[in-house]
Amino acid sequence: AAYDSPAAELSAARTAASLNPVSVTPHYLQASALESEGQRGAAKRELEAALGLEPENFVTLGLLGDLETRAGNRSAARRYYRRALGLNPRDSG
């Protein structure tokens, strides 16, 4: 879905989270919107919440790695990417 602004995306993601609190997808959407608004710390907390729901989810670990890469935190990014690779060694992304 296309949104007019990160704020609209964030609102929709929060609604989705309230409707399905055990899904990681709303956390991904909220993290994206928060990062777009310049709230990197809050975005990371959303991804960490998703990881708390599904600790073995390699996608969440990859997204955390991407977030750290965009912030210039290469060593933290590598740690997340290594964990993701360990969970899904066949994923070439």
PDB file of N, CA and C in Angstrom:
ATOM      1  N   ALA A   1       0.837  -1.180   0.000  1.00  0.00           N
ATOM      2  CA  ALA A   1       0.000   0.000   0.000  1.00  0.00           C
ATOM      3  C   ALA A   1       0.876   1.235   0.000  1.00  0.00           C
ATOM      4  N   ALA A   2       0.436   2.229  -0.712  1.00  0.00           N
ATOM      5  CA  ALA A   2       1.170   3.488  -0.768  1.00  0.00           C
ATOM      6  C   ALA A   2       0.580   4.446   0.250  1.00  0.00           C
ATOM      7  N   TYR A   3       1.451   5.156   0.925  1.00  0.00           N
ATOM      8  CA  TYR A   3       1.017   6.102   1.942  1.00  0.00           C
ATOM      9  C   TYR A   3       1.536   7.478   1.566  1.00  0.00           C
ATOM     10  N   ASP A   4       0.794   8.495   1.964  1.00  0.00           N
ATOM     11  CA  ASP A   4       1.187   9.861   1.661  1.00  0.00           C
ATOM     12  C   ASP A   4       2.381  10.324   2.486  1.00  0.00           C
ATOM     13  N   SER A   5       2.583   9.689   3.632  1.00  0.00           N
ATOM     14  CA  SER A   5       3.663  10.128   4.517  1.00  0.00           C
ATOM     15  C   SER A   5       4.056   8.995   5.454  1.00  0.00           C
ATOM     16  N   PRO A   6       5.257   9.105   6.028  1.00  0.00           N
ATOM     17  CA  PRO A   6       5.635   8.110   7.035  1.00  0.00           C
ATOM     18  C   PRO A   6       4.650   8.091   8.204  1.00  0.00           C
ATOM     19  N   ALA A   7       4.070   9.244   8.539  1.00  0.00           N
ATOM     20  CA  ALA A   7       3.113   9.290   9.646  1.00  0.00           C
ATOM     21  C   ALA A   7       1.877   8.451   9.330  1.00  0.00           C
ATOM     22  N   ALA A   8       1.390   8.516   8.086  1.00  0.00           N
ATOM     23  CA  ALA A   8       0.239   7.705   7.692  1.00  0.00           C
ATOM     24  C   ALA A   8       0.601   6.230   7.708  1.00  0.00           C
ATOM     25  N   GLU A   9       1.804   5.901   7.254  1.00  0.00           N
ATOM     26  CA  GLU A   9       2.271   4.514   7.281  1.00  0.00           C
ATOM     27  C   GLU A   9       2.376   4.014   8.715  1.00  0.00           C
ATOM     28  N   LEU A  10       2.892   4.854   9.590  1.00  0.00           N
ATOM     29  CA  LEU A  10       3.037   4.486  10.996  1.00  0.00           C
ATOM     30  C   LEU A  10       1.669   4.254  11.640  1.00  0.00           C
ATOM     31  N   SER A  11       0.719   5.104  11.345  1.00  0.00           N
ATOM     32  CA  SER A  11      -0.634   4.948  11.885  1.00  0.00           C
ATOM     33  C   SER A  11      -1.255   3.633  11.433  1.00  0.00           C
ATOM     34  N   ALA A  12      -1.113   3.318  10.147  1.00  0.00           N
ATOM     35  CA  ALA A  12      -1.661   2.066   9.620  1.00  0.00           C
ATOM     36  C   ALA A  12      -0.976   0.862  10.259  1.00  0.00           C
ATOM     37  N   ALA A  13       0.341   0.945  10.459  1.00  0.00           N
ATOM     38  CA  ALA A  13       1.076  -0.166  11.067  1.00  0.00           C
ATOM     39  C   ALA A  13       0.659  -0.358  12.519  1.00  0.00           C
ATOM     40  N   ARG A  14       0.428   0.729  13.218  1.00  0.00           N
ATOM     41  CA  ARG A  14      -0.009   0.612  14.614  1.00  0.00           C
ATOM     42  C   ARG A  14      -1.401  -0.009  14.700  1.00  0.00           C
ATOM     43  N   THR A  15      -2.251   0.330  13.761  1.00  0.00           N
ATOM     44  CA  THR A  15      -3.580  -0.292  13.711  1.00  0.00           C
ATOM     45  C   THR A  15      -3.440  -1.787  13.466  1.00  0.00           C
ATOM     46  N   ALA A  16      -2.586  -2.164  12.521  1.00  0.00           N
ATOM     47  CA  ALA A  16      -2.359  -3.583  12.229  1.00  0.00           C
ATOM     48  C   ALA A  16      -1.820  -4.310  13.452  1.00  0.00           C
ATOM     49  N   ALA A  17      -0.927  -3.671  14.183  1.00  0.00           N
ATOM     50  CA  ALA A  17      -0.355  -4.292  15.380  1.00  0.00           C
ATOM     51  C   ALA A  17      -1.417  -4.520  16.443  1.00  0.00           C
ATOM     52  N   SER A  18      -2.343  -3.587  16.563  1.00  0.00           N
ATOM     53  CA  SER A  18      -3.394  -3.764  17.568  1.00  0.00           C
ATOM     54  C   SER A  18      -4.352  -4.883  17.185  1.00  0.00           C
ATOM     55  N   LEU A  19      -4.506  -5.113  15.876  1.00  0.00           N
ATOM     56  CA  LEU A  19      -5.400  -6.174  15.418  1.00  0.00           C
ATOM     57  C   LEU A  19      -4.750  -7.550  15.483  1.00  0.00           C
ATOM     58  N   ASN A  20      -3.431  -7.599  15.344  1.00  0.00           N
ATOM     59  CA  ASN A  20      -2.721  -8.879  15.382  1.00  0.00           C
ATOM     60  C   ASN A  20      -1.413  -8.688  16.152  1.00  0.00           C
ATOM     61  N   PRO A  21      -1.474  -8.706  17.477  1.00  0.00           N
ATOM     62  CA  PRO A  21      -0.297  -8.383  18.288  1.00  0.00           C
ATOM     63  C   PRO A  21       0.817  -9.425  18.247  1.00  0.00           C
ATOM     64  N   VAL A  22       0.576 -10.593  17.686  1.00  0.00           N
ATOM     65  CA  VAL A  22       1.629 -11.614  17.637  1.00  0.00           C
ATOM     66  C   VAL A  22       2.314 -11.679  16.276  1.00  0.00           C
ATOM     67  N   SER A  23       1.958 -10.800  15.362  1.00  0.00           N
ATOM     68  CA  SER A  23       2.567 -10.773  14.036  1.00  0.00           C
ATOM     69  C   SER A  23       3.788  -9.858  14.034  1.00  0.00           C
ATOM     70  N   VAL A  24       4.834 -10.273  13.336  1.00  0.00           N
ATOM     71  CA  VAL A  24       6.026  -9.433  13.231  1.00  0.00           C
ATOM     72  C   VAL A  24       5.868  -8.361  12.155  1.00  0.00           C
ATOM     73  N   THR A  25       4.993  -8.571  11.189  1.00  0.00           N
ATOM     74  CA  THR A  25       4.853  -7.641  10.063  1.00  0.00           C
ATOM     75  C   THR A  25       4.534  -6.210  10.502  1.00  0.00           C
ATOM     76  N   PRO A  26       3.582  -5.993  11.418  1.00  0.00           N
ATOM     77  CA  PRO A  26       3.358  -4.605  11.832  1.00  0.00           C
ATOM     78  C   PRO A  26       4.597  -3.948  12.445  1.00  0.00           C
ATOM     79  N   HIS A  27       5.428  -4.740  13.118  1.00  0.00           N
ATOM     80  CA  HIS A  27       6.673  -4.189  13.663  1.00  0.00           C
ATOM     81  C   HIS A  27       7.596  -3.753  12.533  1.00  0.00           C
ATOM     82  N   TYR A  28       7.657  -4.548  11.446  1.00  0.00           N
ATOM     83  CA  TYR A  28       8.481  -4.176  10.298  1.00  0.00           C
ATOM     84  C   TYR A  28       7.985  -2.859   9.707  1.00  0.00           C
ATOM     85  N   LEU A  29       6.672  -2.741   9.552  1.00  0.00           N
ATOM     86  CA  LEU A  29       6.094  -1.536   8.964  1.00  0.00           C
ATOM     87  C   LEU A  29       6.333  -0.313   9.854  1.00  0.00           C
ATOM     88  N   GLN A  30       6.160  -0.505  11.155  1.00  0.00           N
ATOM     89  CA  GLN A  30       6.398   0.606  12.079  1.00  0.00           C
ATOM     90  C   GLN A  30       7.867   1.015  12.052  1.00  0.00           C
ATOM     91  N   ALA A  31       8.758   0.041  12.010  1.00  0.00           N
ATOM     92  CA  ALA A  31      10.189   0.346  11.974  1.00  0.00           C
ATOM     93  C   ALA A  31      10.530   1.157  10.727  1.00  0.00           C
ATOM     94  N   SER A  32       9.976   0.771   9.600  1.00  0.00           N
ATOM     95  CA  SER A  32      10.237   1.494   8.356  1.00  0.00           C
ATOM     96  C   SER A  32       9.757   2.936   8.452  1.00  0.00           C
ATOM     97  N   ALA A  33       8.537   3.124   8.929  1.00  0.00           N
ATOM     98  CA  ALA A  33       7.987   4.472   9.046  1.00  0.00           C
ATOM     99  C   ALA A  33       8.786   5.311  10.041  1.00  0.00           C
ATOM    100  N   LEU A  34       9.147   4.715  11.163  1.00  0.00           N
ATOM    101  CA  LEU A  34       9.910   5.447  12.174  1.00  0.00           C
ATOM    102  C   LEU A  34      11.280   5.863  11.648  1.00  0.00           C
ATOM    103  N   GLU A  35      11.939   4.960  10.932  1.00  0.00           N
ATOM    104  CA  GLU A  35      13.237   5.314  10.370  1.00  0.00           C
ATOM    105  C   GLU A  35      13.078   6.434   9.345  1.00  0.00           C
ATOM    106  N   SER A  36      12.017   6.382   8.548  1.00  0.00           N
ATOM    107  CA  SER A  36      11.757   7.447   7.573  1.00  0.00           C
ATOM    108  C   SER A  36      11.541   8.789   8.249  1.00  0.00           C
ATOM    109  N   GLU A  37      11.004   8.761   9.455  1.00  0.00           N
ATOM    110  CA  GLU A  37      10.796   9.997  10.228  1.00  0.00           C
ATOM    111  C   GLU A  37      12.047  10.416  11.000  1.00  0.00           C
ATOM    112  N   GLY A  38      13.128   9.662  10.857  1.00  0.00           N
ATOM    113  CA  GLY A  38      14.365  10.003  11.548  1.00  0.00           C
ATOM    114  C   GLY A  38      14.454   9.457  12.959  1.00  0.00           C
ATOM    115  N   GLN A  39      13.574   8.552  13.296  1.00  0.00           N
ATOM    116  CA  GLN A  39      13.552   7.976  14.646  1.00  0.00           C
ATOM    117  C   GLN A  39      14.192   6.581  14.634  1.00  0.00           C
ATOM    118  N   ARG A  40      15.493   6.554  14.385  1.00  0.00           N
ATOM    119  CA  ARG A  40      16.202   5.291  14.248  1.00  0.00           C
ATOM    120  C   ARG A  40      16.144   4.436  15.497  1.00  0.00           C
ATOM    121  N   GLY A  41      16.269   5.030  16.662  1.00  0.00           N
ATOM    122  CA  GLY A  41      16.214   4.271  17.920  1.00  0.00           C
ATOM    123  C   GLY A  41      14.873   3.582  18.093  1.00  0.00           C
ATOM    124  N   ALA A  42      13.796   4.299  17.801  1.00  0.00           N
ATOM    125  CA  ALA A  42      12.456   3.716  17.903  1.00  0.00           C
ATOM    126  C   ALA A  42      12.275   2.619  16.853  1.00  0.00           C
ATOM    127  N   ALA A  43      12.842   2.828  15.676  1.00  0.00           N
ATOM    128  CA  ALA A  43      12.762   1.810  14.628  1.00  0.00           C
ATOM    129  C   ALA A  43      13.463   0.527  15.080  1.00  0.00           C
ATOM    130  N   LYS A  44      14.629   0.693  15.682  1.00  0.00           N
ATOM    131  CA  LYS A  44      15.372  -0.474  16.166  1.00  0.00           C
ATOM    132  C   LYS A  44      14.584  -1.198  17.255  1.00  0.00           C
ATOM    133  N   ARG A  45      13.934  -0.440  18.129  1.00  0.00           N
ATOM    134  CA  ARG A  45      13.125  -1.075  19.181  1.00  0.00           C
ATOM    135  C   ARG A  45      11.975  -1.891  18.584  1.00  0.00           C
ATOM    136  N   GLU A  46      11.380  -1.412  17.508  1.00  0.00           N
ATOM    137  CA  GLU A  46      10.311  -2.175  16.854  1.00  0.00           C
ATOM    138  C   GLU A  46      10.855  -3.490  16.285  1.00  0.00           C
ATOM    139  N   LEU A  47      12.026  -3.423  15.658  1.00  0.00           N
ATOM    140  CA  LEU A  47      12.620  -4.653  15.113  1.00  0.00           C
ATOM    141  C   LEU A  47      13.035  -5.596  16.231  1.00  0.00           C
ATOM    142  N   GLU A  48      13.513  -5.054  17.335  1.00  0.00           N
ATOM    143  CA  GLU A  48      13.861  -5.904  18.474  1.00  0.00           C
ATOM    144  C   GLU A  48      12.607  -6.546  19.070  1.00  0.00           C
ATOM    145  N   ALA A  49      11.484  -5.823  19.058  1.00  0.00           N
ATOM    146  CA  ALA A  49      10.221  -6.402  19.526  1.00  0.00           C
ATOM    147  C   ALA A  49       9.801  -7.553  18.614  1.00  0.00           C
ATOM    148  N   ALA A  50       9.990  -7.379  17.308  1.00  0.00           N
ATOM    149  CA  ALA A  50       9.681  -8.454  16.356  1.00  0.00           C
ATOM    150  C   ALA A  50      10.575  -9.655  16.633  1.00  0.00           C
ATOM    151  N   LEU A  51      11.846  -9.416  16.916  1.00  0.00           N
ATOM    152  CA  LEU A  51      12.770 -10.503  17.213  1.00  0.00           C
ATOM    153  C   LEU A  51      12.373 -11.209  18.501  1.00  0.00           C
ATOM    154  N   GLY A  52      11.833 -10.466  19.445  1.00  0.00           N
ATOM    155  CA  GLY A  52      11.342 -11.070  20.676  1.00  0.00           C
ATOM    156  C   GLY A  52      10.175 -12.014  20.431  1.00  0.00           C
ATOM    157  N   LEU A  53       9.351 -11.687  19.446  1.00  0.00           N
ATOM    158  CA  LEU A  53       8.223 -12.556  19.095  1.00  0.00           C
ATOM    159  C   LEU A  53       8.686 -13.819  18.379  1.00  0.00           C
ATOM    160  N   GLU A  54       9.687 -13.666  17.516  1.00  0.00           N
ATOM    161  CA  GLU A  54      10.201 -14.787  16.719  1.00  0.00           C
ATOM    162  C   GLU A  54      11.731 -14.726  16.711  1.00  0.00           C
ATOM    163  N   PRO A  55      12.377 -15.229  17.777  1.00  0.00           N
ATOM    164  CA  PRO A  55      13.835 -15.112  17.902  1.00  0.00           C
ATOM    165  C   PRO A  55      14.633 -15.802  16.797  1.00  0.00           C
ATOM    166  N   GLU A  56      14.035 -16.741  16.125  1.00  0.00           N
ATOM    167  CA  GLU A  56      14.745 -17.468  15.068  1.00  0.00           C
ATOM    168  C   GLU A  56      14.389 -16.955  13.671  1.00  0.00           C
ATOM    169  N   ASN A  57      13.819 -15.761  13.578  1.00  0.00           N
ATOM    170  CA  ASN A  57      13.392 -15.222  12.290  1.00  0.00           C
ATOM    171  C   ASN A  57      14.568 -14.520  11.622  1.00  0.00           C
ATOM    172  N   PHE A  58      15.094 -15.145  10.564  1.00  0.00           N
ATOM    173  CA  PHE A  58      16.262 -14.590   9.889  1.00  0.00           C
ATOM    174  C   PHE A  58      15.927 -13.284   9.167  1.00  0.00           C
ATOM    175  N   VAL A  59      14.674 -13.089   8.775  1.00  0.00           N
ATOM    176  CA  VAL A  59      14.287 -11.850   8.101  1.00  0.00           C
ATOM    177  C   VAL A  59      14.460 -10.663   9.053  1.00  0.00           C
ATOM    178  N   THR A  60      14.001 -10.813  10.289  1.00  0.00           N
ATOM    179  CA  THR A  60      14.133  -9.738  11.266  1.00  0.00           C
ATOM    180  C   THR A  60      15.602  -9.419  11.498  1.00  0.00           C
ATOM    181  N   LEU A  61      16.424 -10.444  11.605  1.00  0.00           N
ATOM    182  CA  LEU A  61      17.859 -10.217  11.800  1.00  0.00           C
ATOM    183  C   LEU A  61      18.455  -9.482  10.604  1.00  0.00           C
ATOM    184  N   GLY A  62      18.019  -9.829   9.410  1.00  0.00           N
ATOM    185  CA  GLY A  62      18.490  -9.128   8.215  1.00  0.00           C
ATOM    186  C   GLY A  62      18.061  -7.669   8.209  1.00  0.00           C
ATOM    187  N   LEU A  63      16.825  -7.415   8.634  1.00  0.00           N
ATOM    188  CA  LEU A  63      16.348  -6.034   8.703  1.00  0.00           C
ATOM    189  C   LEU A  63      17.118  -5.223   9.742  1.00  0.00           C
ATOM    190  N   LEU A  64      17.449  -5.854  10.859  1.00  0.00           N
ATOM    191  CA  LEU A  64      18.284  -5.180  11.856  1.00  0.00           C
ATOM    192  C   LEU A  64      19.665  -4.884  11.277  1.00  0.00           C
ATOM    193  N   GLY A  65      20.203  -5.828  10.523  1.00  0.00           N
ATOM    194  CA  GLY A  65      21.482  -5.599   9.854  1.00  0.00           C
ATOM    195  C   GLY A  65      21.399  -4.441   8.868  1.00  0.00           C
ATOM    196  N   ASP A  66      20.311  -4.390   8.120  1.00  0.00           N
ATOM    197  CA  ASP A  66      20.125  -3.295   7.161  1.00  0.00           C
ATOM    198  C   ASP A  66      20.047  -1.943   7.887  1.00  0.00           C
ATOM    199  N   LEU A  67      19.303  -1.914   8.979  1.00  0.00           N
ATOM    200  CA  LEU A  67      19.167  -0.682   9.758  1.00  0.00           C
ATOM    201  C   LEU A  67      20.533  -0.211  10.248  1.00  0.00           C
ATOM    202  N   GLU A  68      21.331  -1.143  10.772  1.00  0.00           N
ATOM    203  CA  GLU A  68      22.670  -0.791  11.256  1.00  0.00           C
ATOM    204  C   GLU A  68      23.580  -0.358  10.111  1.00  0.00           C
ATOM    205  N   THR A  69      23.441  -0.992   8.954  1.00  0.00           N
ATOM    206  CA  THR A  69      24.244  -0.607   7.792  1.00  0.00           C
ATOM    207  C   THR A  69      23.943   0.837   7.399  1.00  0.00           C
ATOM    208  N   ARG A  70      22.648   1.174   7.323  1.00  0.00           N
ATOM    209  CA  ARG A  70      22.274   2.545   6.950  1.00  0.00           C
ATOM    210  C   ARG A  70      22.762   3.569   7.978  1.00  0.00           C
ATOM    211  N   ALA A  71      22.916   3.138   9.235  1.00  0.00           N
ATOM    212  CA  ALA A  71      23.400   4.038  10.285  1.00  0.00           C
ATOM    213  C   ALA A  71      24.933   4.087  10.321  1.00  0.00           C
ATOM    214  N   GLY A  72      25.579   3.270   9.492  1.00  0.00           N
ATOM    215  CA  GLY A  72      27.036   3.252   9.464  1.00  0.00           C
ATOM    216  C   GLY A  72      27.674   2.372  10.517  1.00  0.00           C
ATOM    217  N   ASN A  73      26.868   1.552  11.178  1.00  0.00           N
ATOM    218  CA  ASN A  73      27.371   0.657  12.229  1.00  0.00           C
ATOM    219  C   ASN A  73      27.709  -0.704  11.624  1.00  0.00           C
ATOM    220  N   ARG A  74      28.832  -0.767  10.958  1.00  0.00           N
ATOM    221  CA  ARG A  74      29.183  -1.962  10.200  1.00  0.00           C
ATOM    222  C   ARG A  74      29.379  -3.206  11.053  1.00  0.00           C
ATOM    223  N   SER A  75      30.011  -3.069  12.208  1.00  0.00           N
ATOM    224  CA  SER A  75      30.259  -4.255  13.028  1.00  0.00           C
ATOM    225  C   SER A  75      28.945  -4.810  13.581  1.00  0.00           C
ATOM    226  N   ALA A  76      28.042  -3.937  14.002  1.00  0.00           N
ATOM    227  CA  ALA A  76      26.731  -4.400  14.483  1.00  0.00           C
ATOM    228  C   ALA A  76      25.958  -5.053  13.339  1.00  0.00           C
ATOM    229  N   ALA A  77      26.029  -4.453  12.165  1.00  0.00           N
ATOM    230  CA  ALA A  77      25.341  -5.019  10.997  1.00  0.00           C
ATOM    231  C   ALA A  77      25.868  -6.421  10.702  1.00  0.00           C
ATOM    232  N   ARG A  78      27.175  -6.585  10.723  1.00  0.00           N
ATOM    233  CA  ARG A  78      27.763  -7.905  10.448  1.00  0.00           C
ATOM    234  C   ARG A  78      27.285  -8.947  11.450  1.00  0.00           C
ATOM    235  N   ARG A  79      27.171  -8.562  12.719  1.00  0.00           N
ATOM    236  CA  ARG A  79      26.697  -9.512  13.737  1.00  0.00           C
ATOM    237  C   ARG A  79      25.273  -9.985  13.416  1.00  0.00           C
ATOM    238  N   TYR A  80      24.394  -9.056  13.053  1.00  0.00           N
ATOM    239  CA  TYR A  80      23.022  -9.443  12.691  1.00  0.00           C
ATOM    240  C   TYR A  80      23.011 -10.308  11.439  1.00  0.00           C
ATOM    241  N   TYR A  81      23.800  -9.910  10.437  1.00  0.00           N
ATOM    242  CA  TYR A  81      23.833 -10.686   9.197  1.00  0.00           C
ATOM    243  C   TYR A  81      24.377 -12.104   9.435  1.00  0.00           C
ATOM    244  N   ARG A  82      25.393 -12.227  10.286  1.00  0.00           N
ATOM    245  CA  ARG A  82      25.936 -13.558  10.592  1.00  0.00           C
ATOM    246  C   ARG A  82      24.883 -14.439  11.261  1.00  0.00           C
ATOM    247  N   ARG A  83      24.133 -13.863  12.203  1.00  0.00           N
ATOM    248  CA  ARG A  83      23.074 -14.629  12.872  1.00  0.00           C
ATOM    249  C   ARG A  83      22.009 -15.044  11.868  1.00  0.00           C
ATOM    250  N   ALA A  84      21.645 -14.139  10.974  1.00  0.00           N
ATOM    251  CA  ALA A  84      20.635 -14.457   9.952  1.00  0.00           C
ATOM    252  C   ALA A  84      21.148 -15.570   9.050  1.00  0.00           C
ATOM    253  N   LEU A  85      22.395 -15.476   8.631  1.00  0.00           N
ATOM    254  CA  LEU A  85      22.980 -16.497   7.767  1.00  0.00           C
ATOM    255  C   LEU A  85      23.025 -17.849   8.468  1.00  0.00           C
ATOM    256  N   GLY A  86      23.322 -17.844   9.752  1.00  0.00           N
ATOM    257  CA  GLY A  86      23.347 -19.094  10.514  1.00  0.00           C
ATOM    258  C   GLY A  86      21.980 -19.762  10.569  1.00  0.00           C
ATOM    259  N   LEU A  87      20.924 -18.969  10.575  1.00  0.00           N
ATOM    260  CA  LEU A  87      19.565 -19.518  10.613  1.00  0.00           C
ATOM    261  C   LEU A  87      19.076 -19.950   9.248  1.00  0.00           C
ATOM    262  N   ASN A  88      19.569 -19.298   8.205  1.00  0.00           N
ATOM    263  CA  ASN A  88      19.139 -19.629   6.853  1.00  0.00           C
ATOM    264  C   ASN A  88      20.322 -19.503   5.890  1.00  0.00           C
ATOM    265  N   PRO A  89      21.204 -20.499   5.897  1.00  0.00           N
ATOM    266  CA  PRO A  89      22.420 -20.410   5.081  1.00  0.00           C
ATOM    267  C   PRO A  89      22.147 -20.420   3.573  1.00  0.00           C
ATOM    268  N   ARG A  90      20.975 -20.796   3.149  1.00  0.00           N
ATOM    269  CA  ARG A  90      20.661 -20.832   1.716  1.00  0.00           C
ATOM    270  C   ARG A  90      20.200 -19.488   1.173  1.00  0.00           C
ATOM    271  N   ASP A  91      19.899 -18.540   2.057  1.00  0.00           N
ATOM    272  CA  ASP A  91      19.433 -17.228   1.611  1.00  0.00           C
ATOM    273  C   ASP A  91      20.630 -16.424   1.132  1.00  0.00           C
ATOM    274  N   SER A  92      20.628 -16.047  -0.133  1.00  0.00           N
ATOM    275  CA  SER A  92      21.761 -15.290  -0.685  1.00  0.00           C
ATOM    276  C   SER A  92      21.564 -13.794  -0.551  1.00  0.00           C
ATOM    277  N   GLY A  93      20.411 -13.343  -0.007  1.00  0.00           N
ATOM    278  CA  GLY A  93      20.135 -11.905   0.135  1.00  0.00           C
ATOM    279  C   GLY A  93      20.975 -11.332   1.210  1.00  0.00           C
TER     280      GLY A  93
END
